[in-house]
PDB file of all heavy atoms in Angstrom:
ATOM      1  N   ASN A   1       8.534 -65.804 -22.533  1.00  0.00           N
ATOM      2  CA  ASN A   1       9.975 -65.959 -22.995  1.00  0.00           C
ATOM      3  C   ASN A   1      10.858 -64.908 -22.285  1.00  0.00           C
ATOM      4  O   ASN A   1      11.985 -65.240 -21.951  1.00  0.00           O
ATOM      5  CB  ASN A   1      10.025 -65.929 -24.503  1.00  0.00           C
ATOM      6  CG  ASN A   1       9.419 -67.154 -25.115  1.00  0.00           C
ATOM      7  OD1 ASN A   1       9.254 -68.180 -24.526  1.00  0.00           O
ATOM      8  ND2 ASN A   1       8.898 -66.950 -26.349  1.00  0.00           N
ATOM      9  N   VAL A   2      10.348 -63.670 -22.304  1.00  0.00           N
ATOM     10  CA  VAL A   2      11.220 -62.636 -21.737  1.00  0.00           C
ATOM     11  C   VAL A   2      11.232 -62.752 -20.178  1.00  0.00           C
ATOM     12  O   VAL A   2      12.262 -62.523 -19.593  1.00  0.00           O
ATOM     13  CB  VAL A   2      10.626 -61.226 -22.125  1.00  0.00           C
ATOM     14  CG1 VAL A   2      11.302 -60.122 -21.347  1.00  0.00           C
ATOM     15  CG2 VAL A   2      10.840 -61.022 -23.634  1.00  0.00           C
ATOM     16  N   GLU A   3      10.071 -63.146 -19.530  1.00  0.00           N
ATOM     17  CA  GLU A   3      10.092 -63.343 -18.138  1.00  0.00           C
ATOM     18  C   GLU A   3      11.050 -64.411 -17.773  1.00  0.00           C
ATOM     19  O   GLU A   3      11.805 -64.269 -16.757  1.00  0.00           O
ATOM     20  CB  GLU A   3       8.651 -63.712 -17.666  1.00  0.00           C
ATOM     21  CG  GLU A   3       8.525 -63.834 -16.147  1.00  0.00           C
ATOM     22  CD  GLU A   3       7.156 -64.228 -15.739  1.00  0.00           C
ATOM     23  OE1 GLU A   3       6.267 -64.679 -16.587  1.00  0.00           O
ATOM     24  OE2 GLU A   3       6.801 -64.111 -14.565  1.00  0.00           O
ATOM     25  N   PHE A   4      11.051 -65.506 -18.573  1.00  0.00           N
ATOM     26  CA  PHE A   4      12.070 -66.562 -18.328  1.00  0.00           C
ATOM     27  C   PHE A   4      13.491 -66.084 -18.293  1.00  0.00           C
ATOM     28  O   PHE A   4      14.256 -66.437 -17.495  1.00  0.00           O
ATOM     29  CB  PHE A   4      11.880 -67.729 -19.289  1.00  0.00           C
ATOM     30  CG  PHE A   4      13.063 -68.572 -19.482  1.00  0.00           C
ATOM     31  CD1 PHE A   4      13.388 -69.538 -18.528  1.00  0.00           C
ATOM     32  CD2 PHE A   4      13.958 -68.383 -20.530  1.00  0.00           C
ATOM     33  CE1 PHE A   4      14.554 -70.358 -18.667  1.00  0.00           C
ATOM     34  CE2 PHE A   4      15.118 -69.156 -20.684  1.00  0.00           C
ATOM     35  CZ  PHE A   4      15.345 -70.179 -19.732  1.00  0.00           C
ATOM     36  N   ALA A   5      13.784 -65.211 -19.297  1.00  0.00           N
ATOM     37  CA  ALA A   5      15.162 -64.736 -19.428  1.00  0.00           C
ATOM     38  C   ALA A   5      15.596 -63.909 -18.216  1.00  0.00           C
ATOM     39  O   ALA A   5      16.691 -64.144 -17.802  1.00  0.00           O
ATOM     40  CB  ALA A   5      15.285 -63.976 -20.750  1.00  0.00           C
ATOM     41  N   TRP A   6      14.789 -62.971 -17.815  1.00  0.00           N
ATOM     42  CA  TRP A   6      15.287 -62.114 -16.719  1.00  0.00           C
ATOM     43  C   TRP A   6      15.202 -62.947 -15.379  1.00  0.00           C
ATOM     44  O   TRP A   6      16.098 -62.704 -14.518  1.00  0.00           O
ATOM     45  CB  TRP A   6      14.509 -60.821 -16.644  1.00  0.00           C
ATOM     46  CG  TRP A   6      13.176 -60.756 -16.007  1.00  0.00           C
ATOM     47  CD1 TRP A   6      11.957 -60.707 -16.649  1.00  0.00           C
ATOM     48  CD2 TRP A   6      12.908 -60.669 -14.575  1.00  0.00           C
ATOM     49  NE1 TRP A   6      10.980 -60.631 -15.728  1.00  0.00           N
ATOM     50  CE2 TRP A   6      11.475 -60.516 -14.481  1.00  0.00           C
ATOM     51  CE3 TRP A   6      13.658 -60.698 -13.446  1.00  0.00           C
ATOM     52  CZ2 TRP A   6      10.877 -60.453 -13.233  1.00  0.00           C
ATOM     53  CZ3 TRP A   6      13.058 -60.531 -12.197  1.00  0.00           C
ATOM     54  CH2 TRP A   6      11.668 -60.434 -12.092  1.00  0.00           C
ATOM     55  N   LEU A   7      14.300 -63.860 -15.258  1.00  0.00           N
ATOM     56  CA  LEU A   7      14.251 -64.721 -13.980  1.00  0.00           C
ATOM     57  C   LEU A   7      15.424 -65.634 -13.983  1.00  0.00           C
ATOM     58  O   LEU A   7      16.081 -65.839 -12.949  1.00  0.00           O
ATOM     59  CB  LEU A   7      12.996 -65.472 -13.961  1.00  0.00           C
ATOM     60  CG  LEU A   7      11.705 -64.733 -13.588  1.00  0.00           C
ATOM     61  CD1 LEU A   7      10.537 -65.635 -13.676  1.00  0.00           C
ATOM     62  CD2 LEU A   7      11.769 -64.208 -12.169  1.00  0.00           C
ATOM     63  N   LEU A   8      15.873 -66.126 -15.198  1.00  0.00           N
ATOM     64  CA  LEU A   8      17.105 -66.957 -15.246  1.00  0.00           C
ATOM     65  C   LEU A   8      18.312 -66.172 -14.865  1.00  0.00           C
ATOM     66  O   LEU A   8      19.103 -66.679 -14.048  1.00  0.00           O
ATOM     67  CB  LEU A   8      17.261 -67.528 -16.633  1.00  0.00           C
ATOM     68  CG  LEU A   8      18.533 -68.282 -16.926  1.00  0.00           C
ATOM     69  CD1 LEU A   8      18.679 -69.513 -15.989  1.00  0.00           C
ATOM     70  CD2 LEU A   8      18.648 -68.779 -18.360  1.00  0.00           C
ATOM     71  N   THR A   9      18.433 -64.959 -15.343  1.00  0.00           N
ATOM     72  CA  THR A   9      19.619 -64.133 -14.951  1.00  0.00           C
ATOM     73  C   THR A   9      19.581 -63.855 -13.406  1.00  0.00           C
ATOM     74  O   THR A   9      20.674 -64.030 -12.854  1.00  0.00           O
ATOM     75  CB  THR A   9      19.523 -62.780 -15.691  1.00  0.00           C
ATOM     76  OG1 THR A   9      19.481 -63.013 -17.151  1.00  0.00           O
ATOM     77  CG2 THR A   9      20.651 -61.862 -15.364  1.00  0.00           C
ATOM     78  N   HIS A  10      18.447 -63.598 -12.853  1.00  0.00           N
ATOM     79  CA  HIS A  10      18.422 -63.387 -11.409  1.00  0.00           C
ATOM     80  C   HIS A  10      18.741 -64.668 -10.644  1.00  0.00           C
ATOM     81  O   HIS A  10      19.446 -64.631  -9.686  1.00  0.00           O
ATOM     82  CB  HIS A  10      16.957 -62.973 -11.097  1.00  0.00           C
ATOM     83  CG  HIS A  10      16.758 -62.764  -9.550  1.00  0.00           C
ATOM     84  ND1 HIS A  10      17.495 -61.905  -8.792  1.00  0.00           N
ATOM     85  CD2 HIS A  10      15.866 -63.337  -8.684  1.00  0.00           C
ATOM     86  CE1 HIS A  10      17.109 -61.924  -7.554  1.00  0.00           C
ATOM     87  NE2 HIS A  10      16.191 -62.863  -7.470  1.00  0.00           N
ATOM     88  N   ALA A  11      18.290 -65.791 -11.151  1.00  0.00           N
ATOM     89  CA  ALA A  11      18.575 -67.058 -10.498  1.00  0.00           C
ATOM     90  C   ALA A  11      20.124 -67.341 -10.568  1.00  0.00           C
ATOM     91  O   ALA A  11      20.716 -67.689  -9.472  1.00  0.00           O
ATOM     92  CB  ALA A  11      17.890 -68.224 -11.253  1.00  0.00           C
ATOM     93  N   LEU A  12      20.742 -67.103 -11.640  1.00  0.00           N
ATOM     94  CA  LEU A  12      22.164 -67.329 -11.790  1.00  0.00           C
ATOM     95  C   LEU A  12      23.010 -66.478 -10.849  1.00  0.00           C
ATOM     96  O   LEU A  12      23.952 -66.895 -10.212  1.00  0.00           O
ATOM     97  CB  LEU A  12      22.610 -67.164 -13.192  1.00  0.00           C
ATOM     98  CG  LEU A  12      22.045 -68.178 -14.214  1.00  0.00           C
ATOM     99  CD1 LEU A  12      22.307 -67.757 -15.677  1.00  0.00           C
ATOM    100  CD2 LEU A  12      22.614 -69.543 -14.017  1.00  0.00           C
ATOM    101  N   LYS A  13      22.558 -65.144 -10.768  1.00  0.00           N
ATOM    102  CA  LYS A  13      23.247 -64.271  -9.922  1.00  0.00           C
ATOM    103  C   LYS A  13      23.076 -64.642  -8.456  1.00  0.00           C
ATOM    104  O   LYS A  13      24.014 -64.597  -7.645  1.00  0.00           O
ATOM    105  CB  LYS A  13      22.711 -62.829 -10.112  1.00  0.00           C
ATOM    106  CG  LYS A  13      23.122 -62.250 -11.458  1.00  0.00           C
ATOM    107  CD  LYS A  13      22.453 -60.844 -11.600  1.00  0.00           C
ATOM    108  CE  LYS A  13      22.856 -60.198 -12.965  1.00  0.00           C
ATOM    109  NZ  LYS A  13      22.247 -58.890 -13.179  1.00  0.00           N
ATOM    110  N   THR A  14      21.899 -65.096  -8.091  1.00  0.00           N
ATOM    111  CA  THR A  14      21.613 -65.573  -6.699  1.00  0.00           C
ATOM    112  C   THR A  14      22.502 -66.796  -6.321  1.00  0.00           C
ATOM    113  O   THR A  14      22.941 -66.939  -5.254  1.00  0.00           O
ATOM    114  CB  THR A  14      20.173 -65.884  -6.483  1.00  0.00           C
ATOM    115  OG1 THR A  14      19.387 -64.722  -6.801  1.00  0.00           O
ATOM    116  CG2 THR A  14      19.831 -66.291  -5.115  1.00  0.00           C
ATOM    117  N   MET A  15      22.719 -67.652  -7.319  1.00  0.00           N
ATOM    118  CA  MET A  15      23.539 -68.858  -7.130  1.00  0.00           C
ATOM    119  C   MET A  15      25.040 -68.529  -7.178  1.00  0.00           C
ATOM    120  O   MET A  15      25.815 -69.408  -6.899  1.00  0.00           O
ATOM    121  CB  MET A  15      23.232 -69.872  -8.218  1.00  0.00           C
ATOM    122  CG  MET A  15      21.729 -70.380  -8.204  1.00  0.00           C
ATOM    123  SD  MET A  15      21.275 -71.304  -9.696  1.00  0.00           S
ATOM    124  CE  MET A  15      22.147 -72.866  -9.378  1.00  0.00           C
ATOM    125  N   GLY A  16      25.362 -67.328  -7.561  1.00  0.00           N
ATOM    126  CA  GLY A  16      26.737 -66.986  -7.746  1.00  0.00           C
ATOM    127  C   GLY A  16      27.449 -67.520  -8.962  1.00  0.00           C
ATOM    128  O   GLY A  16      28.653 -67.699  -9.023  1.00  0.00           O
ATOM    129  N   LYS A  17      26.624 -67.850 -10.028  1.00  0.00           N
ATOM    130  CA  LYS A  17      27.093 -68.328 -11.231  1.00  0.00           C
ATOM    131  C   LYS A  17      27.214 -67.271 -12.358  1.00  0.00           C
ATOM    132  O   LYS A  17      26.334 -66.427 -12.453  1.00  0.00           O
ATOM    133  CB  LYS A  17      26.203 -69.501 -11.752  1.00  0.00           C
ATOM    134  CG  LYS A  17      26.212 -70.767 -10.842  1.00  0.00           C
ATOM    135  CD  LYS A  17      25.378 -71.781 -11.483  1.00  0.00           C
ATOM    136  CE  LYS A  17      25.369 -73.093 -10.608  1.00  0.00           C
ATOM    137  NZ  LYS A  17      26.756 -73.717 -10.586  1.00  0.00           N
ATOM    138  N   PRO A  18      28.269 -67.373 -13.188  1.00  0.00           N
ATOM    139  CA  PRO A  18      28.330 -66.355 -14.273  1.00  0.00           C
ATOM    140  C   PRO A  18      27.356 -66.702 -15.344  1.00  0.00           C
ATOM    141  O   PRO A  18      26.930 -67.846 -15.518  1.00  0.00           O
ATOM    142  CB  PRO A  18      29.790 -66.576 -14.788  1.00  0.00           C
ATOM    143  CG  PRO A  18      30.126 -67.998 -14.351  1.00  0.00           C
ATOM    144  CD  PRO A  18      29.402 -68.175 -13.064  1.00  0.00           C
ATOM    145  N   ILE A  19      26.881 -65.677 -15.976  1.00  0.00           N
ATOM    146  CA  ILE A  19      25.838 -65.857 -17.047  1.00  0.00           C
ATOM    147  C   ILE A  19      26.507 -66.104 -18.431  1.00  0.00           C
ATOM    148  O   ILE A  19      25.693 -66.324 -19.417  1.00  0.00           O
ATOM    149  CB  ILE A  19      24.839 -64.697 -17.109  1.00  0.00           C
ATOM    150  CG1 ILE A  19      25.536 -63.425 -17.605  1.00  0.00           C
ATOM    151  CG2 ILE A  19      24.225 -64.459 -15.752  1.00  0.00           C
ATOM    152  CD1 ILE A  19      24.527 -62.404 -17.933  1.00  0.00           C
ATOM    153  N   ASP A  20      27.794 -66.064 -18.551  1.00  0.00           N
ATOM    154  CA  ASP A  20      28.389 -66.132 -19.888  1.00  0.00           C
ATOM    155  C   ASP A  20      27.983 -67.293 -20.686  1.00  0.00           C
ATOM    156  O   ASP A  20      27.697 -67.222 -21.906  1.00  0.00           O
ATOM    157  CB  ASP A  20      29.962 -66.087 -19.748  1.00  0.00           C
ATOM    158  CG  ASP A  20      30.492 -64.866 -19.118  1.00  0.00           C
ATOM    159  OD1 ASP A  20      29.651 -63.914 -18.819  1.00  0.00           O
ATOM    160  OD2 ASP A  20      31.675 -64.742 -18.871  1.00  0.00           O
ATOM    161  N   GLN A  21      27.901 -68.516 -20.072  1.00  0.00           N
ATOM    162  CA  GLN A  21      27.568 -69.630 -20.824  1.00  0.00           C
ATOM    163  C   GLN A  21      26.113 -69.726 -21.200  1.00  0.00           C
ATOM    164  O   GLN A  21      25.651 -70.646 -21.948  1.00  0.00           O
ATOM    165  CB  GLN A  21      27.950 -70.940 -20.028  1.00  0.00           C
ATOM    166  CG  GLN A  21      27.217 -71.037 -18.675  1.00  0.00           C
ATOM    167  CD  GLN A  21      27.637 -72.288 -17.873  1.00  0.00           C
ATOM    168  OE1 GLN A  21      27.463 -73.411 -18.338  1.00  0.00           O
ATOM    169  NE2 GLN A  21      28.168 -72.086 -16.770  1.00  0.00           N
ATOM    170  N   TYR A  22      25.311 -68.764 -20.697  1.00  0.00           N
ATOM    171  CA  TYR A  22      23.913 -68.750 -20.987  1.00  0.00           C
ATOM    172  C   TYR A  22      23.475 -67.608 -21.963  1.00  0.00           C
ATOM    173  O   TYR A  22      22.334 -67.359 -22.210  1.00  0.00           O
ATOM    174  CB  TYR A  22      23.109 -68.588 -19.752  1.00  0.00           C
ATOM    175  CG  TYR A  22      23.264 -69.699 -18.725  1.00  0.00           C
ATOM    176  CD1 TYR A  22      24.259 -69.642 -17.794  1.00  0.00           C
ATOM    177  CD2 TYR A  22      22.481 -70.862 -18.811  1.00  0.00           C
ATOM    178  CE1 TYR A  22      24.483 -70.729 -16.886  1.00  0.00           C
ATOM    179  CE2 TYR A  22      22.711 -71.855 -17.894  1.00  0.00           C
ATOM    180  CZ  TYR A  22      23.706 -71.790 -16.952  1.00  0.00           C
ATOM    181  OH  TYR A  22      23.888 -72.844 -16.018  1.00  0.00           O
ATOM    182  N   THR A  23      24.514 -66.950 -22.534  1.00  0.00           N
ATOM    183  CA  THR A  23      24.305 -65.803 -23.365  1.00  0.00           C
ATOM    184  C   THR A  23      23.433 -66.068 -24.554  1.00  0.00           C
ATOM    185  O   THR A  23      22.510 -65.337 -24.895  1.00  0.00           O
ATOM    186  CB  THR A  23      25.665 -65.211 -23.877  1.00  0.00           C
ATOM    187  OG1 THR A  23      26.381 -64.722 -22.761  1.00  0.00           O
ATOM    188  CG2 THR A  23      25.396 -64.114 -24.856  1.00  0.00           C
ATOM    189  N   ASP A  24      23.642 -67.265 -25.188  1.00  0.00           N
ATOM    190  CA  ASP A  24      22.919 -67.563 -26.454  1.00  0.00           C
ATOM    191  C   ASP A  24      21.414 -67.793 -26.158  1.00  0.00           C
ATOM    192  O   ASP A  24      20.568 -67.265 -26.887  1.00  0.00           O
ATOM    193  CB  ASP A  24      23.444 -68.838 -27.070  1.00  0.00           C
ATOM    194  CG  ASP A  24      24.805 -68.592 -27.753  1.00  0.00           C
ATOM    195  OD1 ASP A  24      25.211 -67.364 -27.916  1.00  0.00           O
ATOM    196  OD2 ASP A  24      25.524 -69.601 -28.046  1.00  0.00           O
ATOM    197  N   VAL A  25      21.091 -68.481 -25.071  1.00  0.00           N
ATOM    198  CA  VAL A  25      19.710 -68.755 -24.798  1.00  0.00           C
ATOM    199  C   VAL A  25      19.010 -67.429 -24.280  1.00  0.00           C
ATOM    200  O   VAL A  25      17.836 -67.205 -24.592  1.00  0.00           O
ATOM    201  CB  VAL A  25      19.551 -69.925 -23.758  1.00  0.00           C
ATOM    202  CG1 VAL A  25      19.939 -69.456 -22.375  1.00  0.00           C
ATOM    203  CG2 VAL A  25      18.134 -70.381 -23.737  1.00  0.00           C
ATOM    204  N   LEU A  26      19.683 -66.598 -23.490  1.00  0.00           N
ATOM    205  CA  LEU A  26      19.135 -65.425 -23.119  1.00  0.00           C
ATOM    206  C   LEU A  26      18.842 -64.480 -24.312  1.00  0.00           C
ATOM    207  O   LEU A  26      17.721 -63.926 -24.376  1.00  0.00           O
ATOM    208  CB  LEU A  26      20.055 -64.682 -22.150  1.00  0.00           C
ATOM    209  CG  LEU A  26      20.239 -65.314 -20.759  1.00  0.00           C
ATOM    210  CD1 LEU A  26      21.378 -64.687 -19.987  1.00  0.00           C
ATOM    211  CD2 LEU A  26      18.955 -65.264 -19.945  1.00  0.00           C
ATOM    212  N   LYS A  27      19.767 -64.349 -25.182  1.00  0.00           N
ATOM    213  CA  LYS A  27      19.571 -63.531 -26.299  1.00  0.00           C
ATOM    214  C   LYS A  27      18.411 -64.063 -27.215  1.00  0.00           C
ATOM    215  O   LYS A  27      17.609 -63.327 -27.754  1.00  0.00           O
ATOM    216  CB  LYS A  27      20.776 -63.426 -27.151  1.00  0.00           C
ATOM    217  CG  LYS A  27      21.850 -62.440 -26.545  1.00  0.00           C
ATOM    218  CD  LYS A  27      23.038 -62.225 -27.463  1.00  0.00           C
ATOM    219  CE  LYS A  27      24.012 -61.205 -26.938  1.00  0.00           C
ATOM    220  NZ  LYS A  27      25.163 -60.937 -27.842  1.00  0.00           N
ATOM    221  N   ALA A  28      18.328 -65.407 -27.352  1.00  0.00           N
ATOM    222  CA  ALA A  28      17.293 -65.960 -28.176  1.00  0.00           C
ATOM    223  C   ALA A  28      15.924 -65.678 -27.600  1.00  0.00           C
ATOM    224  O   ALA A  28      14.956 -65.361 -28.328  1.00  0.00           O
ATOM    225  CB  ALA A  28      17.500 -67.525 -28.223  1.00  0.00           C
ATOM    226  N   SER A  29      15.806 -65.773 -26.248  1.00  0.00           N
ATOM    227  CA  SER A  29      14.533 -65.463 -25.596  1.00  0.00           C
ATOM    228  C   SER A  29      14.148 -64.040 -25.740  1.00  0.00           C
ATOM    229  O   SER A  29      12.963 -63.636 -26.102  1.00  0.00           O
ATOM    230  CB  SER A  29      14.644 -65.792 -24.081  1.00  0.00           C
ATOM    231  OG  SER A  29      14.838 -67.214 -23.878  1.00  0.00           O
ATOM    232  N   TYR A  30      15.079 -63.146 -25.587  1.00  0.00           N
ATOM    233  CA  TYR A  30      14.815 -61.698 -25.708  1.00  0.00           C
ATOM    234  C   TYR A  30      14.498 -61.326 -27.201  1.00  0.00           C
ATOM    235  O   TYR A  30      13.575 -60.614 -27.491  1.00  0.00           O
ATOM    236  CB  TYR A  30      16.053 -60.847 -25.223  1.00  0.00           C
ATOM    237  CG  TYR A  30      16.232 -60.805 -23.736  1.00  0.00           C
ATOM    238  CD1 TYR A  30      17.518 -61.068 -23.196  1.00  0.00           C
ATOM    239  CD2 TYR A  30      15.212 -60.555 -22.890  1.00  0.00           C
ATOM    240  CE1 TYR A  30      17.710 -60.961 -21.859  1.00  0.00           C
ATOM    241  CE2 TYR A  30      15.391 -60.467 -21.467  1.00  0.00           C
ATOM    242  CZ  TYR A  30      16.616 -60.703 -20.956  1.00  0.00           C
ATOM    243  OH  TYR A  30      16.841 -60.643 -19.587  1.00  0.00           O
ATOM    244  N   ASN A  31      15.300 -61.895 -28.071  1.00  0.00           N
ATOM    245  CA  ASN A  31      15.263 -61.452 -29.447  1.00  0.00           C
ATOM    246  C   ASN A  31      14.037 -61.940 -30.166  1.00  0.00           C
ATOM    247  O   ASN A  31      13.539 -61.272 -31.123  1.00  0.00           O
ATOM    248  CB  ASN A  31      16.553 -61.899 -30.203  1.00  0.00           C
ATOM    249  CG  ASN A  31      17.808 -61.167 -29.772  1.00  0.00           C
ATOM    250  OD1 ASN A  31      17.744 -60.182 -29.020  1.00  0.00           O
ATOM    251  ND2 ASN A  31      18.992 -61.676 -30.140  1.00  0.00           N
ATOM    252  N   ASN A  32      13.492 -63.008 -29.725  1.00  0.00           N
ATOM    253  CA  ASN A  32      12.302 -63.549 -30.363  1.00  0.00           C
ATOM    254  C   ASN A  32      11.104 -62.486 -30.168  1.00  0.00           C
ATOM    255  O   ASN A  32      10.350 -62.194 -31.072  1.00  0.00           O
ATOM    256  CB  ASN A  32      11.885 -64.892 -29.811  1.00  0.00           C
ATOM    257  CG  ASN A  32      10.536 -65.439 -30.414  1.00  0.00           C
ATOM    258  OD1 ASN A  32       9.514 -65.161 -29.787  1.00  0.00           O
ATOM    259  ND2 ASN A  32      10.619 -66.058 -31.552  1.00  0.00           N
ATOM    260  N   ALA A  33      11.030 -62.024 -28.912  1.00  0.00           N
ATOM    261  CA  ALA A  33      10.034 -60.990 -28.620  1.00  0.00           C
ATOM    262  C   ALA A  33      10.307 -59.755 -29.295  1.00  0.00           C
ATOM    263  O   ALA A  33       9.390 -59.079 -29.835  1.00  0.00           O
ATOM    264  CB  ALA A  33       9.998 -60.827 -27.103  1.00  0.00           C
ATOM    265  N   VAL A  34      11.540 -59.297 -29.425  1.00  0.00           N
ATOM    266  CA  VAL A  34      11.956 -58.046 -30.017  1.00  0.00           C
ATOM    267  C   VAL A  34      11.646 -58.095 -31.563  1.00  0.00           C
ATOM    268  O   VAL A  34      11.145 -57.141 -32.064  1.00  0.00           O
ATOM    269  CB  VAL A  34      13.429 -57.749 -29.767  1.00  0.00           C
ATOM    270  CG1 VAL A  34      13.913 -56.568 -30.665  1.00  0.00           C
ATOM    271  CG2 VAL A  34      13.664 -57.461 -28.356  1.00  0.00           C
ATOM    272  N   GLN A  35      12.014 -59.243 -32.163  1.00  0.00           N
ATOM    273  CA  GLN A  35      11.773 -59.334 -33.591  1.00  0.00           C
ATOM    274  C   GLN A  35      10.329 -59.516 -34.016  1.00  0.00           C
ATOM    275  O   GLN A  35       9.954 -58.973 -35.004  1.00  0.00           O
ATOM    276  CB  GLN A  35      12.620 -60.497 -34.121  1.00  0.00           C
ATOM    277  CG  GLN A  35      12.572 -60.683 -35.630  1.00  0.00           C
ATOM    278  CD  GLN A  35      13.611 -61.738 -36.144  1.00  0.00           C
ATOM    279  OE1 GLN A  35      14.331 -62.311 -35.391  1.00  0.00           O
ATOM    280  NE2 GLN A  35      13.583 -61.915 -37.419  1.00  0.00           N
ATOM    281  N   TYR A  36       9.618 -60.309 -33.280  1.00  0.00           N
ATOM    282  CA  TYR A  36       8.238 -60.701 -33.725  1.00  0.00           C
ATOM    283  C   TYR A  36       7.131 -60.144 -32.864  1.00  0.00           C
ATOM    284  O   TYR A  36       5.981 -59.955 -33.283  1.00  0.00           O
ATOM    285  CB  TYR A  36       8.045 -62.184 -33.796  1.00  0.00           C
ATOM    286  CG  TYR A  36       9.090 -62.881 -34.658  1.00  0.00           C
ATOM    287  CD1 TYR A  36      10.087 -63.741 -34.108  1.00  0.00           C
ATOM    288  CD2 TYR A  36       9.148 -62.653 -36.019  1.00  0.00           C
ATOM    289  CE1 TYR A  36      11.054 -64.332 -34.921  1.00  0.00           C
ATOM    290  CE2 TYR A  36      10.101 -63.254 -36.829  1.00  0.00           C
ATOM    291  CZ  TYR A  36      11.020 -64.095 -36.290  1.00  0.00           C
ATOM    292  OH  TYR A  36      11.964 -64.724 -37.091  1.00  0.00           O
ATOM    293  N   GLY A  37       7.338 -59.890 -31.618  1.00  0.00           N
ATOM    294  CA  GLY A  37       6.308 -59.576 -30.627  1.00  0.00           C
ATOM    295  C   GLY A  37       5.931 -58.097 -30.403  1.00  0.00           C
ATOM    296  O   GLY A  37       4.922 -57.782 -29.778  1.00  0.00           O
TER     297      GLY A  37
END
């Protein structure tokens, strides 16, 4: 889940796309690991 989140961020930056619209899913991926893992 965390690998997916940072790889997604890298992909969006490489594509030249802002990450703002992906904030919720990125936080969900990170926060699940932070809260439970």
